[in-house]
Amino acid sequence: MERRVSIGLLYVVGDEKYLKHYRKGMAKFLPNFFIPKIRPRIIHNIKGEETEDIIVAGINIKPIDLNNSHDLDGYLQGIREVLTEDISRIYIEGQEKLNYKILKYIEDNINIKVFYGEDIKIKYLPYIMKKIYRVLKDNLEEKEVLILDDNVNRVKKIIEAISKYVGYITVVGLDEQEQNQLYEYILEETGISIFYPYNIEKIAGNYSIIINFMDNAELLFNRLKKHSLVFDFSQGEYEGLKNRPPLIRDFYFIFKNIKVENLIVDTKISSSLFEALSLTQYSDDVLLYAEDIHYTIRSYVDNFMKFKGRF
């Protein structure tokens, strides 16, 4: 059961939902060329039973390109026009497909928190890994995990989250000083000795589980064994991967409590929205998001991870 503790969240709907709302009443007769590209407006105020309100707003009625500096600055000005002093956080519908640099630019220029879902992904990794290997009827504690990341603090969080449940951990992406600091810290905190390989390409096929936050991992992915479990939380685009399970890019959660007349906030919510809503508990099955499809854990395993003949 979900427990909401969010305060001061601005939820910005996408252009299709905003257009549907905008065309209510007399505006439904307006020719399309009369409709402005950007028209900031607060659409709804969602009353929270245990929290302050969530403000739902529309900014752009027509599609815009946030990679274009003119469109991005116009979008930012639109956000400023609907901000109130009570708003401290923002979620932009569809932000999961935006470049992190754009989200950081928005965050820095309007001075409110944007969520990327990283802490939620890391928090639920152990739960998902355990459930996957339970479905496989295999022993997670014997598996080797490869972490690809150049952020030492994030690597610490990942290792602290999964170290109780896996056999061996290898880290690639840190510089020598960070490696030494991390090795000592993790050994003291968990008793685990981290492995730093000299040539990861030669041994990539040994790993059963890969957790990736680096954008340039395609070459390495092509060296993995076919049925390895890959959590790819990077923003890399991989066109050359063939004959392997789809990469798990995000976790989604079923959330049925946010409904407004003529406007429904999606019931499948991403890790970034889950984090923005400050949800602290979740008891239902987590969905795995891979190649624009939401899979239950069992359906993902059954479709992509079971060897022929395994039941």
C-alpha atoms as a PDB file:
ATOM      1  CA  MET A   1       0.000   0.000   0.000  1.00  0.00           C
ATOM      2  CA  GLU A   2       1.327   3.438  -0.982  1.00  0.00           C
ATOM      3  CA  ARG A   3       1.964   6.131   1.553  1.00  0.00           C
ATOM      4  CA  ARG A   4       2.214   9.683   0.247  1.00  0.00           C
ATOM      5  CA  VAL A   5       4.247  12.297   2.050  1.00  0.00           C
ATOM      6  CA  SER A   6       4.785  14.774  -0.800  1.00  0.00           C
ATOM      7  CA  ILE A   7       4.812  18.518  -0.183  1.00  0.00           C
ATOM      8  CA  GLY A   8       4.880  21.292  -2.778  1.00  0.00           C
ATOM      9  CA  LEU A   9       5.058  19.281  -6.011  1.00  0.00           C
ATOM     10  CA  LEU A  10       4.424  20.855  -9.409  1.00  0.00           C
ATOM     11  CA  TYR A  11       3.299  18.171 -11.886  1.00  0.00           C
ATOM     12  CA  VAL A  12       3.587  19.404 -15.481  1.00  0.00           C
ATOM     13  CA  VAL A  13       1.442  17.451 -17.950  1.00  0.00           C
ATOM     14  CA  GLY A  14       2.497  16.726 -21.510  1.00  0.00           C
ATOM     15  CA  ASP A  15       1.211  18.650 -24.518  1.00  0.00           C
ATOM     16  CA  GLU A  16      -1.403  16.052 -25.549  1.00  0.00           C
ATOM     17  CA  LYS A  17      -3.138  16.083 -22.174  1.00  0.00           C
ATOM     18  CA  TYR A  18      -2.896  19.846 -21.965  1.00  0.00           C
ATOM     19  CA  LEU A  19      -4.406  20.252 -25.453  1.00  0.00           C
ATOM     20  CA  LYS A  20      -7.318  18.018 -24.455  1.00  0.00           C
ATOM     21  CA  HIS A  21      -7.919  20.207 -21.405  1.00  0.00           C
ATOM     22  CA  TYR A  22      -7.428  23.446 -23.364  1.00  0.00           C
ATOM     23  CA  ARG A  23     -10.006  22.508 -25.988  1.00  0.00           C
ATOM     24  CA  LYS A  24     -12.818  22.262 -23.474  1.00  0.00           C
ATOM     25  CA  GLY A  25     -15.572  24.841 -23.877  1.00  0.00           C
ATOM     26  CA  MET A  26     -15.358  27.402 -26.678  1.00  0.00           C
ATOM     27  CA  ALA A  27     -11.695  26.662 -27.348  1.00  0.00           C
ATOM     28  CA  LYS A  28     -12.678  23.368 -28.973  1.00  0.00           C
ATOM     29  CA  PHE A  29     -13.809  25.361 -32.035  1.00  0.00           C
ATOM     30  CA  LEU A  30     -10.502  27.208 -32.420  1.00  0.00           C
ATOM     31  CA  PRO A  31      -8.500  26.358 -35.546  1.00  0.00           C
ATOM     32  CA  ASN A  32      -5.175  24.832 -34.673  1.00  0.00           C
ATOM     33  CA  PHE A  33      -3.172  27.826 -35.948  1.00  0.00           C
ATOM     34  CA  PHE A  34      -4.860  30.071 -33.341  1.00  0.00           C
ATOM     35  CA  ILE A  35      -3.697  27.875 -30.485  1.00  0.00           C
ATOM     36  CA  PRO A  36      -0.424  29.129 -28.967  1.00  0.00           C
ATOM     37  CA  LYS A  37       2.567  26.846 -28.542  1.00  0.00           C
ATOM     38  CA  ILE A  38       3.059  27.872 -24.912  1.00  0.00           C
ATOM     39  CA  ARG A  39       0.295  29.010 -22.547  1.00  0.00           C
ATOM     40  CA  PRO A  40       1.195  28.407 -18.871  1.00  0.00           C
ATOM     41  CA  ARG A  41      -1.816  27.563 -16.747  1.00  0.00           C
ATOM     42  CA  ILE A  42      -2.598  25.785 -13.500  1.00  0.00           C
ATOM     43  CA  ILE A  43      -5.089  23.080 -14.422  1.00  0.00           C
ATOM     44  CA  HIS A  44      -5.880  21.387 -11.132  1.00  0.00           C
ATOM     45  CA  ASN A  45      -5.022  21.410  -7.486  1.00  0.00           C
ATOM     46  CA  ILE A  46      -5.001  17.850  -6.148  1.00  0.00           C
ATOM     47  CA  LYS A  47      -5.991  17.764  -2.506  1.00  0.00           C
ATOM     48  CA  GLY A  48      -3.894  15.396  -0.438  1.00  0.00           C
ATOM     49  CA  GLU A  49      -5.445  13.616   2.511  1.00  0.00           C
ATOM     50  CA  GLU A  50      -2.188  13.545   4.479  1.00  0.00           C
ATOM     51  CA  THR A  51      -0.176  16.130   2.557  1.00  0.00           C
ATOM     52  CA  GLU A  52      -0.215  19.558   1.022  1.00  0.00           C
ATOM     53  CA  ASP A  53      -1.626  19.891  -2.477  1.00  0.00           C
ATOM     54  CA  ILE A  54      -0.035  18.789  -5.721  1.00  0.00           C
ATOM     55  CA  ILE A  55      -0.311  21.463  -8.395  1.00  0.00           C
ATOM     56  CA  VAL A  56      -1.034  20.141 -11.908  1.00  0.00           C
ATOM     57  CA  ALA A  57      -0.096  22.589 -14.654  1.00  0.00           C
ATOM     58  CA  GLY A  58       0.227  22.795 -18.401  1.00  0.00           C
ATOM     59  CA  ILE A  59       3.009  24.752 -20.079  1.00  0.00           C
ATOM     60  CA  ASN A  60       3.158  23.876 -23.781  1.00  0.00           C
ATOM     61  CA  ILE A  61      -0.001  23.020 -25.703  1.00  0.00           C
ATOM     62  CA  LYS A  62       1.890  22.033 -28.826  1.00  0.00           C
ATOM     63  CA  PRO A  63       5.044  19.898 -29.025  1.00  0.00           C
ATOM     64  CA  ILE A  64       8.302  21.723 -28.402  1.00  0.00           C
ATOM     65  CA  ASP A  65      11.933  20.677 -28.678  1.00  0.00           C
ATOM     66  CA  LEU A  66      13.684  21.131 -25.351  1.00  0.00           C
ATOM     67  CA  ASN A  67      17.002  20.497 -27.109  1.00  0.00           C
ATOM     68  CA  ASN A  68      16.388  23.850 -28.807  1.00  0.00           C
ATOM     69  CA  SER A  69      17.576  26.709 -26.578  1.00  0.00           C
ATOM     70  CA  HIS A  70      14.752  29.047 -27.667  1.00  0.00           C
ATOM     71  CA  ASP A  71      12.061  26.469 -26.876  1.00  0.00           C
ATOM     72  CA  LEU A  72      13.763  25.540 -23.609  1.00  0.00           C
ATOM     73  CA  ASP A  73      13.960  29.140 -22.402  1.00  0.00           C
ATOM     74  CA  GLY A  74      10.317  29.708 -23.344  1.00  0.00           C
ATOM     75  CA  TYR A  75       9.381  26.571 -21.423  1.00  0.00           C
ATOM     76  CA  LEU A  76      11.324  27.772 -18.378  1.00  0.00           C
ATOM     77  CA  GLN A  77       9.555  31.120 -18.469  1.00  0.00           C
ATOM     78  CA  GLY A  78       6.245  29.260 -18.579  1.00  0.00           C
ATOM     79  CA  ILE A  79       7.178  27.266 -15.483  1.00  0.00           C
ATOM     80  CA  ARG A  80       8.096  30.470 -13.656  1.00  0.00           C
ATOM     81  CA  GLU A  81       4.619  31.850 -14.356  1.00  0.00           C
ATOM     82  CA  VAL A  82       2.871  28.999 -12.533  1.00  0.00           C
ATOM     83  CA  LEU A  83       5.311  28.631  -9.642  1.00  0.00           C
ATOM     84  CA  THR A  84       4.201  29.540  -6.150  1.00  0.00           C
ATOM     85  CA  GLU A  85       6.291  29.935  -3.020  1.00  0.00           C
ATOM     86  CA  ASP A  86       4.970  26.587  -1.741  1.00  0.00           C
ATOM     87  CA  ILE A  87       6.385  24.613  -4.673  1.00  0.00           C
ATOM     88  CA  SER A  88       9.758  23.038  -3.982  1.00  0.00           C
ATOM     89  CA  ARG A  89       9.760  20.131  -6.457  1.00  0.00           C
ATOM     90  CA  ILE A  90       8.825  19.535 -10.058  1.00  0.00           C
ATOM     91  CA  TYR A  91       8.004  16.519 -12.206  1.00  0.00           C
ATOM     92  CA  ILE A  92       7.672  16.925 -15.973  1.00  0.00           C
ATOM     93  CA  GLU A  93       5.575  14.262 -17.651  1.00  0.00           C
ATOM     94  CA  GLY A  94       7.838  12.248 -19.932  1.00  0.00           C
ATOM     95  CA  GLN A  95      11.035  13.570 -18.367  1.00  0.00           C
ATOM     96  CA  GLU A  96      12.448  10.036 -18.332  1.00  0.00           C
ATOM     97  CA  LYS A  97      13.279  10.494 -22.022  1.00  0.00           C
ATOM     98  CA  LEU A  98      14.907  13.894 -21.582  1.00  0.00           C
ATOM     99  CA  ASN A  99      18.648  14.303 -21.378  1.00  0.00           C
ATOM    100  CA  TYR A 100      19.825  14.787 -17.799  1.00  0.00           C
ATOM    101  CA  LYS A 101      21.634  17.963 -18.868  1.00  0.00           C
ATOM    102  CA  ILE A 102      18.289  19.514 -19.819  1.00  0.00           C
ATOM    103  CA  LEU A 103      16.741  18.528 -16.490  1.00  0.00           C
ATOM    104  CA  LYS A 104      19.757  19.931 -14.645  1.00  0.00           C
ATOM    105  CA  TYR A 105      19.453  23.171 -16.618  1.00  0.00           C
ATOM    106  CA  ILE A 106      15.793  23.447 -15.616  1.00  0.00           C
ATOM    107  CA  GLU A 107      16.622  22.687 -11.991  1.00  0.00           C
ATOM    108  CA  ASP A 108      19.397  25.278 -11.837  1.00  0.00           C
ATOM    109  CA  ASN A 109      17.421  28.032 -13.558  1.00  0.00           C
ATOM    110  CA  ILE A 110      14.179  27.815 -11.576  1.00  0.00           C
ATOM    111  CA  ASN A 111      15.789  26.675  -8.323  1.00  0.00           C
ATOM    112  CA  ILE A 112      13.435  23.807  -7.505  1.00  0.00           C
ATOM    113  CA  LYS A 113      14.245  20.130  -7.172  1.00  0.00           C
ATOM    114  CA  VAL A 114      14.088  17.805 -10.183  1.00  0.00           C
ATOM    115  CA  PHE A 115      14.102  14.069  -9.447  1.00  0.00           C
ATOM    116  CA  TYR A 116      15.940  11.477 -11.519  1.00  0.00           C
ATOM    117  CA  GLY A 117      14.798   8.344  -9.683  1.00  0.00           C
ATOM    118  CA  GLU A 118      18.308   7.071  -8.961  1.00  0.00           C
ATOM    119  CA  ASP A 119      17.750   6.468  -5.248  1.00  0.00           C
ATOM    120  CA  ILE A 120      14.522   4.554  -5.954  1.00  0.00           C
ATOM    121  CA  LYS A 121      16.208   2.383  -8.586  1.00  0.00           C
ATOM    122  CA  ILE A 122      19.006   1.546  -6.155  1.00  0.00           C
ATOM    123  CA  LYS A 123      16.590   0.956  -3.274  1.00  0.00           C
ATOM    124  CA  TYR A 124      14.528  -1.598  -5.226  1.00  0.00           C
ATOM    125  CA  LEU A 125      17.456  -3.410  -6.886  1.00  0.00           C
ATOM    126  CA  PRO A 126      17.761  -6.036  -4.110  1.00  0.00           C
ATOM    127  CA  TYR A 127      14.019  -6.746  -4.134  1.00  0.00           C
ATOM    128  CA  ILE A 128      13.944  -7.179  -7.907  1.00  0.00           C
ATOM    129  CA  MET A 129      17.130  -9.230  -8.095  1.00  0.00           C
ATOM    130  CA  LYS A 130      15.912 -11.581  -5.363  1.00  0.00           C
ATOM    131  CA  LYS A 131      12.549 -12.027  -7.031  1.00  0.00           C
ATOM    132  CA  ILE A 132      14.084 -12.671 -10.453  1.00  0.00           C
ATOM    133  CA  TYR A 133      16.357 -15.401  -9.117  1.00  0.00           C
ATOM    134  CA  ARG A 134      13.518 -16.865  -7.099  1.00  0.00           C
ATOM    135  CA  VAL A 135      11.531 -17.225 -10.334  1.00  0.00           C
ATOM    136  CA  LEU A 136      14.610 -18.726 -11.995  1.00  0.00           C
ATOM    137  CA  LYS A 137      15.044 -21.095  -9.023  1.00  0.00           C
ATOM    138  CA  ASP A 138      18.674 -20.073  -8.942  1.00  0.00           C
ATOM    139  CA  ASN A 139      20.975 -18.896  -6.152  1.00  0.00           C
ATOM    140  CA  LEU A 140      21.565 -15.137  -6.210  1.00  0.00           C
ATOM    141  CA  GLU A 141      24.266 -15.419  -3.546  1.00  0.00           C
ATOM    142  CA  GLU A 142      26.530 -17.226  -6.006  1.00  0.00           C
ATOM    143  CA  LYS A 143      26.253 -14.599  -8.738  1.00  0.00           C
ATOM    144  CA  GLU A 144      28.895 -12.118  -9.848  1.00  0.00           C
ATOM    145  CA  VAL A 145      27.768  -8.504 -10.263  1.00  0.00           C
ATOM    146  CA  LEU A 146      29.448  -5.945 -12.500  1.00  0.00           C
ATOM    147  CA  ILE A 147      28.852  -2.265 -11.675  1.00  0.00           C
ATOM    148  CA  LEU A 148      29.682   0.246 -14.425  1.00  0.00           C
ATOM    149  CA  ASP A 149      29.724   3.756 -12.989  1.00  0.00           C
ATOM    150  CA  ASP A 150      32.035   6.758 -12.690  1.00  0.00           C
ATOM    151  CA  ASN A 151      30.239   8.250  -9.672  1.00  0.00           C
ATOM    152  CA  VAL A 152      31.885   6.902  -6.524  1.00  0.00           C
ATOM    153  CA  ASN A 153      29.105   8.011  -4.172  1.00  0.00           C
ATOM    154  CA  ARG A 154      26.477   6.261  -6.272  1.00  0.00           C
ATOM    155  CA  VAL A 155      28.633   3.132  -6.403  1.00  0.00           C
ATOM    156  CA  LYS A 156      28.770   3.157  -2.596  1.00  0.00           C
ATOM    157  CA  LYS A 157      24.974   3.257  -2.426  1.00  0.00           C
ATOM    158  CA  ILE A 158      24.632   0.391  -4.899  1.00  0.00           C
ATOM    159  CA  ILE A 159      27.102  -1.837  -3.067  1.00  0.00           C
ATOM    160  CA  GLU A 160      25.562  -1.092   0.323  1.00  0.00           C
ATOM    161  CA  ALA A 161      22.141  -2.015  -1.103  1.00  0.00           C
ATOM    162  CA  ILE A 162      23.091  -5.322  -2.764  1.00  0.00           C
ATOM    163  CA  SER A 163      26.128  -6.593  -0.840  1.00  0.00           C
ATOM    164  CA  LYS A 164      24.137  -8.874   1.483  1.00  0.00           C
ATOM    165  CA  TYR A 165      22.568 -10.766  -1.397  1.00  0.00           C
ATOM    166  CA  VAL A 166      25.278 -11.428  -4.013  1.00  0.00           C
ATOM    167  CA  GLY A 167      28.523 -13.355  -4.156  1.00  0.00           C
ATOM    168  CA  TYR A 168      31.061 -11.075  -5.812  1.00  0.00           C
ATOM    169  CA  ILE A 169      31.162  -7.440  -6.935  1.00  0.00           C
ATOM    170  CA  THR A 170      33.321  -5.877  -9.649  1.00  0.00           C
ATOM    171  CA  VAL A 171      33.461  -2.125 -10.255  1.00  0.00           C
ATOM    172  CA  VAL A 172      34.544  -0.416 -13.485  1.00  0.00           C
ATOM    173  CA  GLY A 173      34.632   3.326 -14.163  1.00  0.00           C
ATOM    174  CA  LEU A 174      36.384   4.914 -11.175  1.00  0.00           C
ATOM    175  CA  ASP A 175      39.835   6.470 -11.143  1.00  0.00           C
ATOM    176  CA  GLU A 176      42.620   4.929  -9.058  1.00  0.00           C
ATOM    177  CA  GLN A 177      42.177   7.223  -6.066  1.00  0.00           C
ATOM    178  CA  GLU A 178      38.428   6.586  -5.954  1.00  0.00           C
ATOM    179  CA  GLN A 179      39.047   2.843  -6.251  1.00  0.00           C
ATOM    180  CA  ASN A 180      41.319   2.861  -3.222  1.00  0.00           C
ATOM    181  CA  GLN A 181      38.922   4.960  -1.146  1.00  0.00           C
ATOM    182  CA  LEU A 182      35.952   2.795  -2.099  1.00  0.00           C
ATOM    183  CA  TYR A 183      37.828  -0.450  -1.445  1.00  0.00           C
ATOM    184  CA  GLU A 184      38.704   0.575   2.108  1.00  0.00           C
ATOM    185  CA  TYR A 185      35.254   1.985   2.844  1.00  0.00           C
ATOM    186  CA  ILE A 186      33.321  -1.049   1.577  1.00  0.00           C
ATOM    187  CA  LEU A 187      35.678  -3.541   3.207  1.00  0.00           C
ATOM    188  CA  GLU A 188      35.188  -1.808   6.552  1.00  0.00           C
ATOM    189  CA  GLU A 189      31.414  -1.356   6.201  1.00  0.00           C
ATOM    190  CA  THR A 190      30.435  -4.691   4.636  1.00  0.00           C
ATOM    191  CA  GLY A 191      33.435  -6.997   4.791  1.00  0.00           C
ATOM    192  CA  ILE A 192      33.299  -7.382   1.003  1.00  0.00           C
ATOM    193  CA  SER A 193      36.421  -7.110  -1.122  1.00  0.00           C
ATOM    194  CA  ILE A 194      35.784  -5.325  -4.419  1.00  0.00           C
ATOM    195  CA  PHE A 195      37.478  -6.485  -7.614  1.00  0.00           C
ATOM    196  CA  TYR A 196      38.859  -3.927 -10.099  1.00  0.00           C
ATOM    197  CA  PRO A 197      39.770  -5.715 -13.356  1.00  0.00           C
ATOM    198  CA  TYR A 198      42.641  -4.677 -15.587  1.00  0.00           C
ATOM    199  CA  ASN A 199      40.804  -5.628 -18.783  1.00  0.00           C
ATOM    200  CA  ILE A 200      37.048  -5.948 -18.313  1.00  0.00           C
ATOM    201  CA  GLU A 201      36.426  -6.799 -21.986  1.00  0.00           C
ATOM    202  CA  LYS A 202      38.145 -10.162 -21.575  1.00  0.00           C
ATOM    203  CA  ILE A 203      36.035 -11.252 -18.603  1.00  0.00           C
ATOM    204  CA  ALA A 204      32.706  -9.503 -19.289  1.00  0.00           C
ATOM    205  CA  GLY A 205      31.110 -12.833 -20.150  1.00  0.00           C
ATOM    206  CA  ASN A 206      31.626 -14.068 -16.586  1.00  0.00           C
ATOM    207  CA  TYR A 207      29.020 -11.770 -15.061  1.00  0.00           C
ATOM    208  CA  SER A 208      25.420 -12.729 -14.401  1.00  0.00           C
ATOM    209  CA  ILE A 209      24.217  -9.260 -13.357  1.00  0.00           C
ATOM    210  CA  ILE A 210      25.254  -5.866 -14.717  1.00  0.00           C
ATOM    211  CA  ILE A 211      24.242  -2.526 -13.197  1.00  0.00           C
ATOM    212  CA  ASN A 212      25.166   0.307 -15.547  1.00  0.00           C
ATOM    213  CA  PHE A 213      25.095   4.088 -15.181  1.00  0.00           C
ATOM    214  CA  MET A 214      27.613   4.867 -17.968  1.00  0.00           C
ATOM    215  CA  ASP A 215      26.547   6.007 -21.443  1.00  0.00           C
ATOM    216  CA  ASN A 216      29.302   4.354 -23.496  1.00  0.00           C
ATOM    217  CA  ALA A 217      28.781   0.701 -22.623  1.00  0.00           C
ATOM    218  CA  GLU A 218      27.609  -0.746 -25.961  1.00  0.00           C
ATOM    219  CA  LEU A 219      30.888  -2.490 -26.796  1.00  0.00           C
ATOM    220  CA  LEU A 220      30.952  -4.142 -23.391  1.00  0.00           C
ATOM    221  CA  PHE A 221      27.284  -5.137 -23.604  1.00  0.00           C
ATOM    222  CA  ASN A 222      28.038  -7.055 -26.782  1.00  0.00           C
ATOM    223  CA  ARG A 223      30.525  -9.198 -24.840  1.00  0.00           C
ATOM    224  CA  LEU A 224      28.067 -10.256 -22.142  1.00  0.00           C
ATOM    225  CA  LYS A 225      26.587 -13.728 -22.041  1.00  0.00           C
ATOM    226  CA  LYS A 226      23.173 -13.934 -23.630  1.00  0.00           C
ATOM    227  CA  HIS A 227      21.071 -14.450 -20.515  1.00  0.00           C
ATOM    228  CA  SER A 228      22.831 -11.981 -18.235  1.00  0.00           C
ATOM    229  CA  LEU A 229      20.560  -9.608 -16.339  1.00  0.00           C
ATOM    230  CA  VAL A 230      21.277  -5.992 -17.324  1.00  0.00           C
ATOM    231  CA  PHE A 231      19.969  -2.959 -15.452  1.00  0.00           C
ATOM    232  CA  ASP A 232      20.919  -0.084 -17.733  1.00  0.00           C
ATOM    233  CA  PHE A 233      20.171   3.201 -15.962  1.00  0.00           C
ATOM    234  CA  SER A 234      22.344   5.253 -18.298  1.00  0.00           C
ATOM    235  CA  GLN A 235      21.167   7.521 -21.093  1.00  0.00           C
ATOM    236  CA  GLY A 236      23.033   5.551 -23.716  1.00  0.00           C
ATOM    237  CA  GLU A 237      21.300   4.559 -26.948  1.00  0.00           C
ATOM    238  CA  TYR A 238      22.254   1.112 -28.201  1.00  0.00           C
ATOM    239  CA  GLU A 239      21.364   0.152 -31.768  1.00  0.00           C
ATOM    240  CA  GLY A 240      23.849  -2.653 -32.207  1.00  0.00           C
ATOM    241  CA  LEU A 241      22.670  -5.022 -29.475  1.00  0.00           C
ATOM    242  CA  LYS A 242      21.235  -8.248 -30.870  1.00  0.00           C
ATOM    243  CA  ASN A 243      20.079 -11.624 -29.603  1.00  0.00           C
ATOM    244  CA  ARG A 244      19.908 -10.654 -25.962  1.00  0.00           C
ATOM    245  CA  PRO A 245      17.141  -9.727 -23.487  1.00  0.00           C
ATOM    246  CA  PRO A 246      16.002  -6.089 -23.634  1.00  0.00           C
ATOM    247  CA  LEU A 247      17.861  -3.823 -21.235  1.00  0.00           C
ATOM    248  CA  ILE A 248      15.933  -2.891 -18.090  1.00  0.00           C
ATOM    249  CA  ARG A 249      15.935   0.926 -18.110  1.00  0.00           C
ATOM    250  CA  ASP A 250      13.601   1.802 -15.243  1.00  0.00           C
ATOM    251  CA  PHE A 251      11.224   0.467 -12.602  1.00  0.00           C
ATOM    252  CA  TYR A 252       7.530   1.364 -12.646  1.00  0.00           C
ATOM    253  CA  PHE A 253       4.975   1.256  -9.849  1.00  0.00           C
ATOM    254  CA  ILE A 254       1.179   0.995  -9.953  1.00  0.00           C
ATOM    255  CA  PHE A 255      -0.343   4.025  -8.258  1.00  0.00           C
ATOM    256  CA  LYS A 256      -4.107   4.559  -8.367  1.00  0.00           C
ATOM    257  CA  ASN A 257      -4.636   7.491  -6.039  1.00  0.00           C
ATOM    258  CA  ILE A 258      -4.086  10.488  -8.330  1.00  0.00           C
ATOM    259  CA  LYS A 259      -7.191  11.049 -10.441  1.00  0.00           C
ATOM    260  CA  VAL A 260      -8.753  14.325 -11.534  1.00  0.00           C
ATOM    261  CA  GLU A 261     -11.862  14.904 -13.632  1.00  0.00           C
ATOM    262  CA  ASN A 262     -10.960  14.849 -17.336  1.00  0.00           C
ATOM    263  CA  LEU A 263      -7.299  14.419 -16.462  1.00  0.00           C
ATOM    264  CA  ILE A 264      -5.654  11.275 -15.192  1.00  0.00           C
ATOM    265  CA  VAL A 265      -2.073  11.203 -14.006  1.00  0.00           C
ATOM    266  CA  ASP A 266      -0.678   7.896 -15.274  1.00  0.00           C
ATOM    267  CA  THR A 267      -1.271   4.978 -12.921  1.00  0.00           C
ATOM    268  CA  LYS A 268       2.049   3.402 -13.936  1.00  0.00           C
ATOM    269  CA  ILE A 269       4.599   5.768 -12.466  1.00  0.00           C
ATOM    270  CA  SER A 270       8.334   5.803 -13.072  1.00  0.00           C
ATOM    271  CA  SER A 271      11.030   5.802 -10.431  1.00  0.00           C
ATOM    272  CA  SER A 272      11.531   9.557 -10.898  1.00  0.00           C
ATOM    273  CA  LEU A 273       7.839  10.321 -10.270  1.00  0.00           C
ATOM    274  CA  PHE A 274       7.789   7.839  -7.386  1.00  0.00           C
ATOM    275  CA  GLU A 275      10.683   9.804  -5.894  1.00  0.00           C
ATOM    276  CA  ALA A 276       9.087  13.187  -6.622  1.00  0.00           C
ATOM    277  CA  LEU A 277       5.920  12.103  -4.803  1.00  0.00           C
ATOM    278  CA  SER A 278       8.076  11.089  -1.827  1.00  0.00           C
ATOM    279  CA  LEU A 279       6.447   7.673  -1.668  1.00  0.00           C
ATOM    280  CA  THR A 280       8.123   5.616   1.029  1.00  0.00           C
ATOM    281  CA  GLN A 281       6.402   2.238   0.797  1.00  0.00           C
ATOM    282  CA  TYR A 282       5.227  -0.002  -2.000  1.00  0.00           C
ATOM    283  CA  SER A 283       3.901  -3.524  -1.623  1.00  0.00           C
ATOM    284  CA  ASP A 284       2.685  -4.529  -5.098  1.00  0.00           C
ATOM    285  CA  ASP A 285       4.783  -6.052  -7.851  1.00  0.00           C
ATOM    286  CA  VAL A 286       7.304  -3.678  -9.411  1.00  0.00           C
ATOM    287  CA  LEU A 287       7.235  -3.493 -13.209  1.00  0.00           C
ATOM    288  CA  LEU A 288      10.387  -3.666 -15.320  1.00  0.00           C
ATOM    289  CA  TYR A 289      10.544  -1.094 -18.119  1.00  0.00           C
ATOM    290  CA  ALA A 290      12.450  -2.334 -21.158  1.00  0.00           C
ATOM    291  CA  GLU A 291      12.228  -1.123 -24.780  1.00  0.00           C
ATOM    292  CA  ASP A 292       9.103   0.955 -24.027  1.00  0.00           C
ATOM    293  CA  ILE A 293       7.251  -2.045 -22.558  1.00  0.00           C
ATOM    294  CA  HIS A 294       6.276  -2.665 -18.934  1.00  0.00           C
ATOM    295  CA  TYR A 295       6.894  -6.257 -17.834  1.00  0.00           C
ATOM    296  CA  THR A 296       6.032  -7.977 -14.617  1.00  0.00           C
ATOM    297  CA  ILE A 297       9.090  -9.621 -13.142  1.00  0.00           C
ATOM    298  CA  ARG A 298       7.751 -13.071 -13.963  1.00  0.00           C
ATOM    299  CA  SER A 299       6.867 -12.210 -17.551  1.00  0.00           C
ATOM    300  CA  TYR A 300      10.317 -10.715 -18.154  1.00  0.00           C
ATOM    301  CA  VAL A 301      12.020 -13.811 -16.768  1.00  0.00           C
ATOM    302  CA  ASP A 302       9.759 -16.201 -18.667  1.00  0.00           C
ATOM    303  CA  ASN A 303      10.250 -14.364 -21.958  1.00  0.00           C
ATOM    304  CA  PHE A 304      13.927 -13.520 -21.847  1.00  0.00           C
ATOM    305  CA  MET A 305      15.917 -15.248 -19.125  1.00  0.00           C
ATOM    306  CA  LYS A 306      14.906 -18.874 -18.944  1.00  0.00           C
ATOM    307  CA  PHE A 307      17.091 -21.294 -20.828  1.00  0.00           C
ATOM    308  CA  LYS A 308      15.336 -23.774 -23.065  1.00  0.00           C
ATOM    309  CA  GLY A 309      14.165 -26.668 -20.973  1.00  0.00           C
ATOM    310  CA  ARG A 310      14.187 -24.776 -17.655  1.00  0.00           C
ATOM    311  CA  PHE A 311      10.838 -24.523 -15.827  1.00  0.00           C
END
